[in-house]
Amino acid sequence: MELIHKELVDILKVKETEITIKNNESFKEDIQTHLLKSRQHIILDLENVKYLNSTSLGVIADAAMKAKKEGKELVISGVKPPLDEIFTIVRFHTFMGLYKTIEEAENYFQTLI
């Protein structure tokens, strides 16, 4: 995972194509570490991800809740079919923003200023 600092947002770019039991713990550690270093507006970019297991969904939900407790906001970008259906089924849209592109997520944060 790479942390990219931009003017208004920090982007957590996931480089792995699959988040499975083999790399879920490192995924969790990376998100937790980067959340501490991030500013108020954070985008988790899943553009490269083709598969997420259920545990990784829990990691993302937990990260969104931790961010909120710290006065930050975490949103997701780059989710493509069929992953977008999974995020809809588990109702992630009810507690965090889901955007097709990084640009859409950045535009959302721009409206908050």
N, C-alpha and C. Protein backbone atom coordinates (compact mmCIF):
# COMPACT_ATOMS: atom_id res chain seq x y z
N MET A 1 0.85 -1.17 0.00
CA MET A 1 0.00 0.00 0.00
C MET A 1 0.89 1.23 0.00
N GLU A 2 0.46 2.21 -0.74
CA GLU A 2 1.22 3.45 -0.85
C GLU A 2 0.37 4.61 -0.34
N LEU A 3 0.98 5.49 0.45
CA LEU A 3 0.31 6.70 0.93
C LEU A 3 0.75 7.87 0.06
N ILE A 4 -0.23 8.50 -0.58
CA ILE A 4 0.04 9.64 -1.47
C ILE A 4 -0.60 10.87 -0.85
N HIS A 5 0.22 11.87 -0.55
CA HIS A 5 -0.29 13.13 -0.01
C HIS A 5 -0.58 14.08 -1.16
N LYS A 6 -1.83 14.51 -1.27
CA LYS A 6 -2.19 15.53 -2.25
C LYS A 6 -2.60 16.79 -1.48
N GLU A 7 -2.96 17.83 -2.20
CA GLU A 7 -3.26 19.11 -1.55
C GLU A 7 -4.37 18.99 -0.50
N LEU A 8 -5.49 18.38 -0.85
CA LEU A 8 -6.64 18.32 0.05
C LEU A 8 -6.87 16.96 0.69
N VAL A 9 -6.31 15.92 0.09
CA VAL A 9 -6.60 14.56 0.55
C VAL A 9 -5.32 13.73 0.64
N ASP A 10 -5.45 12.64 1.37
CA ASP A 10 -4.43 11.60 1.36
C ASP A 10 -5.05 10.38 0.71
N ILE A 11 -4.29 9.73 -0.17
CA ILE A 11 -4.79 8.56 -0.88
C ILE A 11 -4.00 7.34 -0.42
N LEU A 12 -4.73 6.33 0.02
CA LEU A 12 -4.13 5.04 0.36
C LEU A 12 -4.35 4.14 -0.86
N LYS A 13 -3.32 3.96 -1.65
CA LYS A 13 -3.43 3.19 -2.89
C LYS A 13 -3.05 1.74 -2.63
N VAL A 14 -4.02 0.86 -2.76
CA VAL A 14 -3.78 -0.57 -2.57
C VAL A 14 -3.19 -1.12 -3.86
N LYS A 15 -2.01 -1.73 -3.75
CA LYS A 15 -1.33 -2.25 -4.93
C LYS A 15 -1.68 -3.71 -5.22
N GLU A 16 -2.10 -4.45 -4.20
CA GLU A 16 -2.44 -5.85 -4.38
C GLU A 16 -3.70 -6.00 -5.22
N THR A 17 -3.77 -7.09 -5.97
CA THR A 17 -4.98 -7.35 -6.75
C THR A 17 -5.97 -8.21 -5.98
N GLU A 18 -5.49 -8.90 -4.94
CA GLU A 18 -6.37 -9.73 -4.11
C GLU A 18 -6.02 -9.52 -2.65
N ILE A 19 -7.05 -9.39 -1.82
CA ILE A 19 -6.86 -9.35 -0.37
C ILE A 19 -7.48 -10.64 0.15
N THR A 20 -6.63 -11.55 0.60
CA THR A 20 -7.07 -12.88 1.03
C THR A 20 -6.50 -13.16 2.42
N ILE A 21 -6.72 -14.35 2.88
CA ILE A 21 -6.20 -14.74 4.18
C ILE A 21 -4.67 -14.64 4.22
N LYS A 22 -4.03 -14.78 3.07
CA LYS A 22 -2.57 -14.73 2.98
C LYS A 22 -2.00 -13.34 3.27
N ASN A 23 -2.72 -12.30 2.90
CA ASN A 23 -2.18 -10.94 3.07
C ASN A 23 -3.11 -10.02 3.86
N ASN A 24 -4.16 -10.57 4.45
CA ASN A 24 -5.12 -9.75 5.16
C ASN A 24 -4.51 -9.03 6.36
N GLU A 25 -3.63 -9.71 7.09
CA GLU A 25 -3.02 -9.10 8.26
C GLU A 25 -2.14 -7.91 7.87
N SER A 26 -1.37 -8.04 6.80
CA SER A 26 -0.54 -6.91 6.36
C SER A 26 -1.41 -5.78 5.82
N PHE A 27 -2.54 -6.12 5.18
CA PHE A 27 -3.50 -5.11 4.72
C PHE A 27 -4.02 -4.31 5.91
N LYS A 28 -4.40 -5.01 6.96
CA LYS A 28 -4.90 -4.37 8.18
C LYS A 28 -3.83 -3.47 8.81
N GLU A 29 -2.62 -3.97 8.93
CA GLU A 29 -1.53 -3.19 9.52
C GLU A 29 -1.23 -1.94 8.69
N ASP A 30 -1.22 -2.11 7.36
CA ASP A 30 -0.96 -0.96 6.48
C ASP A 30 -2.02 0.12 6.65
N ILE A 31 -3.29 -0.28 6.66
CA ILE A 31 -4.36 0.71 6.82
C ILE A 31 -4.24 1.42 8.16
N GLN A 32 -4.02 0.67 9.23
CA GLN A 32 -3.91 1.28 10.56
C GLN A 32 -2.74 2.24 10.63
N THR A 33 -1.60 1.86 10.08
CA THR A 33 -0.42 2.72 10.08
C THR A 33 -0.67 3.99 9.29
N HIS A 34 -1.25 3.85 8.10
CA HIS A 34 -1.48 5.01 7.24
C HIS A 34 -2.57 5.92 7.79
N LEU A 35 -3.56 5.36 8.47
CA LEU A 35 -4.60 6.20 9.09
C LEU A 35 -3.98 7.16 10.11
N LEU A 36 -3.02 6.68 10.86
CA LEU A 36 -2.35 7.52 11.85
C LEU A 36 -1.60 8.68 11.19
N LYS A 37 -1.03 8.42 10.01
CA LYS A 37 -0.23 9.42 9.30
C LYS A 37 -1.07 10.36 8.45
N SER A 38 -2.31 9.97 8.20
CA SER A 38 -3.15 10.72 7.26
C SER A 38 -3.78 11.94 7.90
N ARG A 39 -4.11 12.86 7.01
CA ARG A 39 -4.84 14.05 7.42
C ARG A 39 -6.33 13.75 7.48
N GLN A 40 -7.15 14.77 7.46
CA GLN A 40 -8.58 14.64 7.70
C GLN A 40 -9.33 13.88 6.61
N HIS A 41 -8.98 14.09 5.35
CA HIS A 41 -9.71 13.48 4.23
C HIS A 41 -8.87 12.38 3.60
N ILE A 42 -9.42 11.15 3.59
CA ILE A 42 -8.66 9.99 3.16
C ILE A 42 -9.46 9.20 2.12
N ILE A 43 -8.78 8.82 1.05
CA ILE A 43 -9.38 7.99 0.01
C ILE A 43 -8.65 6.65 0.00
N LEU A 44 -9.40 5.56 0.15
CA LEU A 44 -8.84 4.22 0.00
C LEU A 44 -9.09 3.81 -1.45
N ASP A 45 -8.03 3.77 -2.24
CA ASP A 45 -8.15 3.48 -3.67
C ASP A 45 -8.01 1.97 -3.91
N LEU A 46 -9.11 1.36 -4.33
CA LEU A 46 -9.14 -0.08 -4.59
C LEU A 46 -9.15 -0.40 -6.08
N GLU A 47 -8.68 0.52 -6.88
CA GLU A 47 -8.72 0.34 -8.33
C GLU A 47 -8.05 -0.96 -8.80
N ASN A 48 -6.97 -1.36 -8.16
CA ASN A 48 -6.24 -2.56 -8.58
C ASN A 48 -6.83 -3.85 -8.01
N VAL A 49 -7.74 -3.74 -7.05
CA VAL A 49 -8.24 -4.91 -6.34
C VAL A 49 -9.36 -5.60 -7.12
N LYS A 50 -9.16 -6.90 -7.33
CA LYS A 50 -10.15 -7.71 -8.05
C LYS A 50 -10.92 -8.64 -7.10
N TYR A 51 -10.33 -8.90 -5.90
CA TYR A 51 -10.96 -9.81 -4.95
C TYR A 51 -10.69 -9.35 -3.52
N LEU A 52 -11.74 -9.35 -2.70
CA LEU A 52 -11.64 -9.07 -1.26
C LEU A 52 -12.35 -10.19 -0.52
N ASN A 53 -11.73 -10.71 0.54
CA ASN A 53 -12.46 -11.68 1.36
C ASN A 53 -13.27 -10.93 2.41
N SER A 54 -14.11 -11.65 3.14
CA SER A 54 -15.00 -11.01 4.10
C SER A 54 -14.22 -10.34 5.24
N THR A 55 -13.08 -10.90 5.61
CA THR A 55 -12.28 -10.29 6.67
C THR A 55 -11.76 -8.93 6.24
N SER A 56 -11.37 -8.80 4.99
CA SER A 56 -10.88 -7.50 4.52
C SER A 56 -11.99 -6.45 4.49
N LEU A 57 -13.23 -6.88 4.25
CA LEU A 57 -14.35 -5.94 4.34
C LEU A 57 -14.48 -5.43 5.76
N GLY A 58 -14.29 -6.31 6.73
CA GLY A 58 -14.31 -5.91 8.13
C GLY A 58 -13.20 -4.94 8.47
N VAL A 59 -12.03 -5.15 7.90
CA VAL A 59 -10.89 -4.25 8.11
C VAL A 59 -11.23 -2.86 7.59
N ILE A 60 -11.84 -2.79 6.41
CA ILE A 60 -12.19 -1.49 5.82
C ILE A 60 -13.26 -0.80 6.67
N ALA A 61 -14.28 -1.55 7.08
CA ALA A 61 -15.34 -0.96 7.92
C ALA A 61 -14.76 -0.45 9.23
N ASP A 62 -13.89 -1.23 9.84
CA ASP A 62 -13.26 -0.83 11.10
C ASP A 62 -12.42 0.44 10.89
N ALA A 63 -11.70 0.52 9.79
CA ALA A 63 -10.88 1.70 9.50
C ALA A 63 -11.75 2.94 9.34
N ALA A 64 -12.90 2.78 8.68
CA ALA A 64 -13.82 3.92 8.51
C ALA A 64 -14.32 4.42 9.86
N MET A 65 -14.64 3.49 10.75
CA MET A 65 -15.13 3.87 12.08
C MET A 65 -14.02 4.52 12.92
N LYS A 66 -12.82 3.98 12.84
CA LYS A 66 -11.69 4.57 13.58
C LYS A 66 -11.39 5.97 13.06
N ALA A 67 -11.44 6.14 11.74
CA ALA A 67 -11.19 7.45 11.16
C ALA A 67 -12.21 8.45 11.69
N LYS A 68 -13.47 8.04 11.71
CA LYS A 68 -14.54 8.92 12.18
C LYS A 68 -14.31 9.34 13.63
N LYS A 69 -13.89 8.40 14.47
CA LYS A 69 -13.61 8.70 15.87
C LYS A 69 -12.48 9.72 16.02
N GLU A 70 -11.57 9.73 15.06
CA GLU A 70 -10.44 10.66 15.09
C GLU A 70 -10.73 11.97 14.36
N GLY A 71 -11.99 12.16 13.94
CA GLY A 71 -12.37 13.38 13.24
C GLY A 71 -11.94 13.39 11.79
N LYS A 72 -11.71 12.20 11.23
CA LYS A 72 -11.31 12.07 9.84
C LYS A 72 -12.43 11.39 9.07
N GLU A 73 -12.32 11.41 7.75
CA GLU A 73 -13.30 10.69 6.93
C GLU A 73 -12.58 9.85 5.90
N LEU A 74 -12.93 8.58 5.85
CA LEU A 74 -12.37 7.64 4.90
C LEU A 74 -13.45 7.28 3.89
N VAL A 75 -13.13 7.43 2.61
CA VAL A 75 -14.04 7.00 1.54
C VAL A 75 -13.29 6.02 0.64
N ILE A 76 -14.03 5.32 -0.20
CA ILE A 76 -13.45 4.33 -1.10
C ILE A 76 -13.61 4.80 -2.54
N SER A 77 -12.56 4.55 -3.34
CA SER A 77 -12.66 4.82 -4.78
C SER A 77 -12.16 3.61 -5.56
N GLY A 78 -12.54 3.56 -6.82
CA GLY A 78 -12.00 2.57 -7.74
C GLY A 78 -12.61 1.19 -7.66
N VAL A 79 -13.77 1.06 -7.03
CA VAL A 79 -14.39 -0.26 -6.93
C VAL A 79 -15.13 -0.56 -8.23
N LYS A 80 -14.78 -1.71 -8.82
CA LYS A 80 -15.38 -2.10 -10.09
C LYS A 80 -16.17 -3.40 -9.91
N PRO A 81 -17.07 -3.68 -10.87
CA PRO A 81 -17.79 -4.96 -10.81
C PRO A 81 -16.79 -6.13 -10.81
N PRO A 82 -17.10 -7.18 -10.11
CA PRO A 82 -18.28 -7.43 -9.29
C PRO A 82 -18.13 -6.93 -7.84
N LEU A 83 -16.99 -6.35 -7.49
CA LEU A 83 -16.80 -5.89 -6.10
C LEU A 83 -17.81 -4.83 -5.69
N ASP A 84 -18.22 -3.98 -6.62
CA ASP A 84 -19.18 -2.94 -6.26
C ASP A 84 -20.49 -3.54 -5.74
N GLU A 85 -20.87 -4.70 -6.28
CA GLU A 85 -22.08 -5.37 -5.80
C GLU A 85 -21.93 -5.81 -4.34
N ILE A 86 -20.76 -6.29 -4.00
CA ILE A 86 -20.50 -6.73 -2.62
C ILE A 86 -20.63 -5.55 -1.66
N PHE A 87 -20.03 -4.42 -2.02
CA PHE A 87 -20.11 -3.24 -1.16
C PHE A 87 -21.56 -2.77 -1.01
N THR A 88 -22.36 -2.93 -2.06
CA THR A 88 -23.78 -2.57 -1.98
C THR A 88 -24.54 -3.55 -1.08
N ILE A 89 -24.30 -4.83 -1.26
CA ILE A 89 -25.00 -5.85 -0.46
C ILE A 89 -24.72 -5.67 1.02
N VAL A 90 -23.47 -5.37 1.38
CA VAL A 90 -23.14 -5.22 2.80
C VAL A 90 -23.38 -3.78 3.28
N ARG A 91 -23.96 -2.96 2.41
CA ARG A 91 -24.45 -1.62 2.75
C ARG A 91 -23.37 -0.65 3.23
N PHE A 92 -22.19 -0.74 2.63
CA PHE A 92 -21.12 0.19 2.99
C PHE A 92 -21.52 1.64 2.71
N HIS A 93 -22.37 1.85 1.71
CA HIS A 93 -22.79 3.20 1.35
C HIS A 93 -23.55 3.90 2.48
N THR A 94 -24.00 3.15 3.49
CA THR A 94 -24.74 3.75 4.59
C THR A 94 -23.83 4.42 5.62
N PHE A 95 -22.54 4.11 5.59
CA PHE A 95 -21.63 4.73 6.57
C PHE A 95 -20.35 5.28 5.97
N MET A 96 -20.15 5.14 4.66
CA MET A 96 -18.99 5.75 4.02
C MET A 96 -19.25 5.97 2.54
N GLY A 97 -18.52 6.92 1.96
CA GLY A 97 -18.69 7.22 0.55
C GLY A 97 -18.02 6.20 -0.34
N LEU A 98 -18.68 5.85 -1.42
CA LEU A 98 -18.15 4.93 -2.43
C LEU A 98 -18.13 5.67 -3.77
N TYR A 99 -16.96 5.78 -4.37
CA TYR A 99 -16.82 6.54 -5.62
C TYR A 99 -16.13 5.69 -6.67
N LYS A 100 -16.52 5.89 -7.92
CA LYS A 100 -15.95 5.11 -9.02
C LYS A 100 -14.50 5.47 -9.28
N THR A 101 -14.16 6.74 -9.09
CA THR A 101 -12.79 7.19 -9.38
C THR A 101 -12.23 8.04 -8.24
N ILE A 102 -10.94 8.18 -8.24
CA ILE A 102 -10.28 9.06 -7.27
C ILE A 102 -10.78 10.50 -7.47
N GLU A 103 -10.95 10.89 -8.72
CA GLU A 103 -11.40 12.25 -9.03
C GLU A 103 -12.76 12.54 -8.41
N GLU A 104 -13.67 11.58 -8.49
CA GLU A 104 -15.00 11.77 -7.89
C GLU A 104 -14.88 11.91 -6.37
N ALA A 105 -14.03 11.12 -5.77
CA ALA A 105 -13.83 11.21 -4.32
C ALA A 105 -13.20 12.55 -3.95
N GLU A 106 -12.23 12.99 -4.72
CA GLU A 106 -11.61 14.30 -4.47
C GLU A 106 -12.64 15.42 -4.61
N ASN A 107 -13.50 15.32 -5.62
CA ASN A 107 -14.54 16.33 -5.81
C ASN A 107 -15.49 16.37 -4.62
N TYR A 108 -15.81 15.20 -4.05
CA TYR A 108 -16.64 15.15 -2.86
C TYR A 108 -15.98 15.95 -1.73
N PHE A 109 -14.72 15.70 -1.47
CA PHE A 109 -14.03 16.40 -0.39
C PHE A 109 -13.91 17.89 -0.69
N GLN A 110 -13.79 18.24 -1.97
CA GLN A 110 -13.72 19.65 -2.37
C GLN A 110 -15.00 20.38 -1.97
N THR A 111 -16.15 19.69 -2.04
CA THR A 111 -17.42 20.34 -1.69
C THR A 111 -17.53 20.62 -0.19
N LEU A 112 -16.70 19.99 0.62
CA LEU A 112 -16.75 20.18 2.07
C LEU A 112 -16.00 21.43 2.53
N ILE A 113 -15.23 22.00 1.63
CA ILE A 113 -14.41 23.17 1.99
C ILE A 113 -15.22 24.44 1.92
